[in-house]
Amino acid sequence: MNHPFKPGDLVIYRKTKHSTHPGPRAENLHPAPNGDTYSYVVSKFWLVREVLEDGTLVAVTRRGKLNQIRPDDPGLRRPNWFERLFYRSRFSELLQTDAGQRQQQLRAS
């Protein structure tokens, strides 16, 4: 059963990238036919900040960047209990960053 996302939900987004030098967290590497570049997937750890009227999610990264994404995107999913435990440092950093940004917004208002 697919539960709708709500603000405050932690999500993992698997983003496809292309580069000549994949980073250390690159997964599922595939060289290009000519061998000049690689395509790969990187897991991004985001926090749902808002759900728009059309169902689109507004997710925030640990650096404060906002991303809009459809909830039915195949790269988007909730972390399971093991991932929450294994990646707890990334998720806690994300929650702390979001809390700090909200405080700054309140001060500016």
N, C-alpha and C. Protein backbone atom coordinates (compact mmCIF):
# COMPACT_ATOMS: atom_id res chain seq x y z
N MET A 1 0.84 -1.18 0.00
CA MET A 1 0.00 0.00 0.00
C MET A 1 0.89 1.24 0.00
N ASN A 2 0.62 2.15 -0.88
CA ASN A 2 1.43 3.35 -1.03
C ASN A 2 0.82 4.49 -0.22
N HIS A 3 1.50 4.90 0.85
CA HIS A 3 1.01 6.00 1.67
C HIS A 3 1.49 7.32 1.08
N PRO A 4 0.63 8.34 1.12
CA PRO A 4 1.06 9.63 0.57
C PRO A 4 2.16 10.25 1.44
N PHE A 5 2.99 11.03 0.79
CA PHE A 5 4.06 11.73 1.51
C PHE A 5 3.47 12.92 2.23
N LYS A 6 4.13 13.30 3.32
CA LYS A 6 3.71 14.48 4.07
C LYS A 6 4.95 15.26 4.51
N PRO A 7 4.80 16.54 4.83
CA PRO A 7 5.96 17.32 5.28
C PRO A 7 6.63 16.66 6.48
N GLY A 8 7.96 16.64 6.45
CA GLY A 8 8.74 16.02 7.51
C GLY A 8 9.19 14.61 7.19
N ASP A 9 8.65 14.02 6.12
CA ASP A 9 9.06 12.66 5.73
C ASP A 9 10.49 12.67 5.18
N LEU A 10 11.25 11.66 5.55
CA LEU A 10 12.58 11.46 4.98
C LEU A 10 12.44 10.63 3.72
N VAL A 11 13.17 10.99 2.68
CA VAL A 11 13.11 10.25 1.42
C VAL A 11 14.51 10.05 0.86
N ILE A 12 14.63 9.02 0.03
CA ILE A 12 15.86 8.77 -0.71
C ILE A 12 15.51 8.89 -2.19
N TYR A 13 16.28 9.70 -2.90
CA TYR A 13 16.09 9.86 -4.34
C TYR A 13 17.33 9.36 -5.05
N ARG A 14 17.15 8.42 -5.95
CA ARG A 14 18.27 7.87 -6.72
C ARG A 14 18.38 8.66 -8.02
N LYS A 15 19.41 9.49 -8.09
CA LYS A 15 19.60 10.41 -9.21
C LYS A 15 20.62 9.84 -10.19
N THR A 16 20.25 9.82 -11.47
CA THR A 16 21.16 9.36 -12.52
C THR A 16 22.07 10.51 -12.92
N LYS A 17 23.36 10.22 -13.03
CA LYS A 17 24.34 11.23 -13.41
C LYS A 17 25.26 10.69 -14.50
N HIS A 18 25.95 11.61 -15.18
CA HIS A 18 26.92 11.28 -16.22
C HIS A 18 28.16 12.12 -15.97
N SER A 19 29.33 11.47 -15.97
CA SER A 19 30.56 12.19 -15.68
C SER A 19 31.76 11.38 -16.14
N THR A 20 32.90 12.07 -16.27
CA THR A 20 34.14 11.37 -16.58
C THR A 20 34.79 10.81 -15.32
N HIS A 21 34.42 11.36 -14.15
CA HIS A 21 34.99 10.92 -12.87
C HIS A 21 33.89 10.70 -11.85
N PRO A 22 33.30 9.51 -11.78
CA PRO A 22 32.26 9.25 -10.77
C PRO A 22 32.82 9.39 -9.36
N GLY A 23 31.98 9.86 -8.46
CA GLY A 23 32.38 10.03 -7.07
C GLY A 23 32.40 8.71 -6.30
N PRO A 24 32.81 8.76 -5.04
CA PRO A 24 32.93 7.53 -4.24
C PRO A 24 31.59 6.87 -3.92
N ARG A 25 30.48 7.62 -3.97
CA ARG A 25 29.18 7.02 -3.67
C ARG A 25 28.43 6.59 -4.92
N ALA A 26 29.09 6.61 -6.06
CA ALA A 26 28.46 6.20 -7.31
C ALA A 26 28.15 4.70 -7.28
N GLU A 27 26.98 4.36 -7.75
CA GLU A 27 26.55 2.96 -7.82
C GLU A 27 26.11 2.67 -9.25
N ASN A 28 26.10 1.40 -9.59
CA ASN A 28 25.57 0.96 -10.88
C ASN A 28 26.27 1.67 -12.04
N LEU A 29 27.59 1.65 -12.05
CA LEU A 29 28.40 2.32 -13.08
C LEU A 29 28.33 1.60 -14.41
N HIS A 30 28.19 2.39 -15.48
CA HIS A 30 28.20 1.85 -16.84
C HIS A 30 29.02 2.78 -17.72
N PRO A 31 30.06 2.28 -18.39
CA PRO A 31 30.84 3.14 -19.28
C PRO A 31 30.04 3.47 -20.54
N ALA A 32 30.31 4.64 -21.10
CA ALA A 32 29.70 5.03 -22.37
C ALA A 32 30.28 4.15 -23.48
N PRO A 33 29.59 4.03 -24.61
CA PRO A 33 30.10 3.19 -25.70
C PRO A 33 31.52 3.53 -26.14
N ASN A 34 31.88 4.80 -26.15
CA ASN A 34 33.23 5.20 -26.55
C ASN A 34 34.21 5.21 -25.39
N GLY A 35 33.72 5.01 -24.18
CA GLY A 35 34.58 4.94 -23.01
C GLY A 35 35.01 6.27 -22.44
N ASP A 36 34.44 7.38 -22.89
CA ASP A 36 34.84 8.70 -22.40
C ASP A 36 34.17 9.08 -21.09
N THR A 37 32.94 8.65 -20.90
CA THR A 37 32.19 9.01 -19.70
C THR A 37 31.54 7.77 -19.09
N TYR A 38 30.95 7.98 -17.92
CA TYR A 38 30.22 6.92 -17.23
C TYR A 38 28.84 7.42 -16.87
N SER A 39 27.88 6.53 -16.88
CA SER A 39 26.58 6.85 -16.30
C SER A 39 26.48 6.04 -15.02
N TYR A 40 25.89 6.64 -14.01
CA TYR A 40 25.81 6.01 -12.70
C TYR A 40 24.67 6.62 -11.90
N VAL A 41 24.41 6.04 -10.75
CA VAL A 41 23.33 6.49 -9.88
C VAL A 41 23.93 6.88 -8.53
N VAL A 42 23.42 7.97 -7.96
CA VAL A 42 23.84 8.43 -6.64
C VAL A 42 22.59 8.58 -5.78
N SER A 43 22.63 8.08 -4.56
CA SER A 43 21.50 8.23 -3.64
C SER A 43 21.57 9.60 -2.97
N LYS A 44 20.46 10.31 -3.02
CA LYS A 44 20.35 11.62 -2.38
C LYS A 44 19.39 11.50 -1.21
N PHE A 45 19.72 12.13 -0.11
CA PHE A 45 18.92 12.04 1.11
C PHE A 45 18.23 13.38 1.32
N TRP A 46 16.91 13.38 1.22
CA TRP A 46 16.14 14.61 1.27
C TRP A 46 15.07 14.54 2.34
N LEU A 47 14.54 15.72 2.67
CA LEU A 47 13.44 15.87 3.62
C LEU A 47 12.29 16.56 2.89
N VAL A 48 11.09 16.00 2.98
CA VAL A 48 9.93 16.63 2.35
C VAL A 48 9.57 17.86 3.16
N ARG A 49 9.61 19.01 2.53
CA ARG A 49 9.27 20.25 3.22
C ARG A 49 7.80 20.61 3.00
N GLU A 50 7.29 20.31 1.80
CA GLU A 50 5.94 20.74 1.47
C GLU A 50 5.37 19.81 0.41
N VAL A 51 4.04 19.65 0.44
CA VAL A 51 3.34 18.92 -0.61
C VAL A 51 2.40 19.93 -1.27
N LEU A 52 2.62 20.19 -2.56
CA LEU A 52 1.82 21.17 -3.28
C LEU A 52 0.44 20.60 -3.60
N GLU A 53 -0.48 21.46 -4.03
CA GLU A 53 -1.85 21.04 -4.30
C GLU A 53 -1.95 19.95 -5.35
N ASP A 54 -1.06 19.98 -6.35
CA ASP A 54 -1.10 18.96 -7.41
C ASP A 54 -0.39 17.66 -6.99
N GLY A 55 0.09 17.59 -5.74
CA GLY A 55 0.76 16.39 -5.25
C GLY A 55 2.27 16.43 -5.36
N THR A 56 2.80 17.42 -6.08
CA THR A 56 4.25 17.54 -6.22
C THR A 56 4.89 17.78 -4.86
N LEU A 57 6.01 17.12 -4.62
CA LEU A 57 6.73 17.29 -3.37
C LEU A 57 7.80 18.36 -3.51
N VAL A 58 7.97 19.15 -2.48
CA VAL A 58 9.09 20.08 -2.39
C VAL A 58 10.01 19.49 -1.32
N ALA A 59 11.18 19.03 -1.75
CA ALA A 59 12.13 18.38 -0.85
C ALA A 59 13.36 19.26 -0.70
N VAL A 60 13.93 19.25 0.49
CA VAL A 60 15.11 20.08 0.78
C VAL A 60 16.32 19.17 0.98
N THR A 61 17.46 19.61 0.45
CA THR A 61 18.72 18.88 0.60
C THR A 61 19.42 19.37 1.86
N ARG A 62 20.53 18.74 2.21
CA ARG A 62 21.25 19.14 3.41
C ARG A 62 21.89 20.51 3.27
N ARG A 63 22.06 20.98 2.05
CA ARG A 63 22.63 22.32 1.83
C ARG A 63 21.55 23.37 1.60
N GLY A 64 20.29 22.96 1.71
CA GLY A 64 19.20 23.92 1.61
C GLY A 64 18.58 24.07 0.24
N LYS A 65 19.06 23.35 -0.75
CA LYS A 65 18.49 23.44 -2.09
C LYS A 65 17.11 22.78 -2.10
N LEU A 66 16.16 23.43 -2.78
CA LEU A 66 14.81 22.88 -2.89
C LEU A 66 14.64 22.18 -4.23
N ASN A 67 14.04 21.00 -4.19
CA ASN A 67 13.77 20.22 -5.40
C ASN A 67 12.29 19.90 -5.46
N GLN A 68 11.70 20.05 -6.64
CA GLN A 68 10.32 19.64 -6.83
C GLN A 68 10.31 18.32 -7.58
N ILE A 69 9.54 17.37 -7.06
CA ILE A 69 9.53 16.04 -7.65
C ILE A 69 8.15 15.42 -7.49
N ARG A 70 7.75 14.68 -8.50
CA ARG A 70 6.47 13.97 -8.47
C ARG A 70 6.56 12.80 -7.49
N PRO A 71 5.50 12.54 -6.74
CA PRO A 71 5.55 11.43 -5.78
C PRO A 71 5.61 10.05 -6.44
N ASP A 72 5.25 9.97 -7.72
CA ASP A 72 5.29 8.68 -8.42
C ASP A 72 6.58 8.49 -9.21
N ASP A 73 7.57 9.36 -9.01
CA ASP A 73 8.86 9.21 -9.68
C ASP A 73 9.50 7.89 -9.24
N PRO A 74 9.95 7.06 -10.18
CA PRO A 74 10.53 5.77 -9.80
C PRO A 74 11.82 5.87 -8.99
N GLY A 75 12.49 7.01 -9.01
CA GLY A 75 13.72 7.18 -8.24
C GLY A 75 13.49 7.59 -6.80
N LEU A 76 12.24 7.90 -6.46
CA LEU A 76 11.90 8.39 -5.12
C LEU A 76 11.32 7.27 -4.27
N ARG A 77 11.79 7.17 -3.03
CA ARG A 77 11.23 6.17 -2.12
C ARG A 77 11.52 6.56 -0.68
N ARG A 78 10.80 5.91 0.21
CA ARG A 78 11.05 6.08 1.64
C ARG A 78 12.20 5.16 2.06
N PRO A 79 12.99 5.58 3.03
CA PRO A 79 14.03 4.67 3.53
C PRO A 79 13.40 3.59 4.41
N ASN A 80 13.94 2.38 4.31
CA ASN A 80 13.46 1.32 5.21
C ASN A 80 14.15 1.48 6.56
N TRP A 81 13.80 0.66 7.53
CA TRP A 81 14.33 0.82 8.89
C TRP A 81 15.85 0.67 8.92
N PHE A 82 16.38 -0.24 8.10
CA PHE A 82 17.83 -0.44 8.09
C PHE A 82 18.55 0.79 7.53
N GLU A 83 18.00 1.38 6.47
CA GLU A 83 18.61 2.58 5.88
C GLU A 83 18.53 3.76 6.85
N ARG A 84 17.43 3.86 7.59
CA ARG A 84 17.32 4.92 8.60
C ARG A 84 18.42 4.78 9.64
N LEU A 85 18.71 3.54 10.01
CA LEU A 85 19.76 3.27 10.98
C LEU A 85 21.15 3.48 10.37
N PHE A 86 21.39 2.90 9.21
CA PHE A 86 22.70 2.95 8.57
C PHE A 86 23.08 4.37 8.15
N TYR A 87 22.11 5.15 7.66
CA TYR A 87 22.36 6.52 7.19
C TYR A 87 21.88 7.56 8.20
N ARG A 88 21.80 7.20 9.47
CA ARG A 88 21.25 8.12 10.46
C ARG A 88 22.03 9.43 10.54
N SER A 89 23.34 9.39 10.28
CA SER A 89 24.12 10.63 10.35
C SER A 89 23.69 11.58 9.23
N ARG A 90 23.42 11.05 8.06
CA ARG A 90 22.98 11.91 6.94
C ARG A 90 21.59 12.48 7.21
N PHE A 91 20.70 11.63 7.75
CA PHE A 91 19.35 12.10 8.03
C PHE A 91 19.34 13.09 9.19
N SER A 92 20.13 12.86 10.24
CA SER A 92 20.14 13.80 11.37
C SER A 92 20.73 15.14 10.94
N GLU A 93 21.75 15.11 10.08
CA GLU A 93 22.33 16.35 9.55
C GLU A 93 21.28 17.11 8.75
N LEU A 94 20.49 16.39 7.99
CA LEU A 94 19.43 16.99 7.18
C LEU A 94 18.38 17.64 8.07
N LEU A 95 17.98 16.96 9.13
CA LEU A 95 16.97 17.50 10.04
C LEU A 95 17.49 18.74 10.76
N GLN A 96 18.76 18.73 11.17
CA GLN A 96 19.35 19.89 11.84
C GLN A 96 19.45 21.08 10.90
N THR A 97 19.84 20.83 9.66
CA THR A 97 19.96 21.90 8.67
C THR A 97 18.60 22.53 8.41
N ASP A 98 17.58 21.70 8.26
CA ASP A 98 16.24 22.21 7.99
C ASP A 98 15.72 23.02 9.17
N ALA A 99 15.96 22.57 10.39
CA ALA A 99 15.52 23.31 11.57
C ALA A 99 16.21 24.68 11.64
N GLY A 100 17.49 24.73 11.32
CA GLY A 100 18.22 26.00 11.32
C GLY A 100 17.70 26.96 10.27
N GLN A 101 17.36 26.44 9.10
CA GLN A 101 16.84 27.29 8.04
C GLN A 101 15.47 27.86 8.41
N ARG A 102 14.66 27.05 9.06
CA ARG A 102 13.33 27.53 9.47
C ARG A 102 13.46 28.64 10.51
N GLN A 103 14.42 28.51 11.43
CA GLN A 103 14.63 29.56 12.42
C GLN A 103 15.08 30.85 11.76
N GLN A 104 15.95 30.76 10.76
CA GLN A 104 16.40 31.96 10.05
C GLN A 104 15.24 32.62 9.32
N GLN A 105 14.34 31.81 8.74
CA GLN A 105 13.19 32.37 8.04
C GLN A 105 12.27 33.09 9.02
N LEU A 106 12.09 32.53 10.22
CA LEU A 106 11.24 33.17 11.21
C LEU A 106 11.84 34.50 11.67
N ARG A 107 13.15 34.54 11.84
CA ARG A 107 13.81 35.79 12.25
C ARG A 107 13.69 36.86 11.17
N ALA A 108 13.76 36.45 9.91
CA ALA A 108 13.69 37.40 8.80
C ALA A 108 12.28 37.95 8.61
N SER A 109 11.28 37.21 9.06
CA SER A 109 9.88 37.65 8.87
C SER A 109 9.49 38.76 9.80
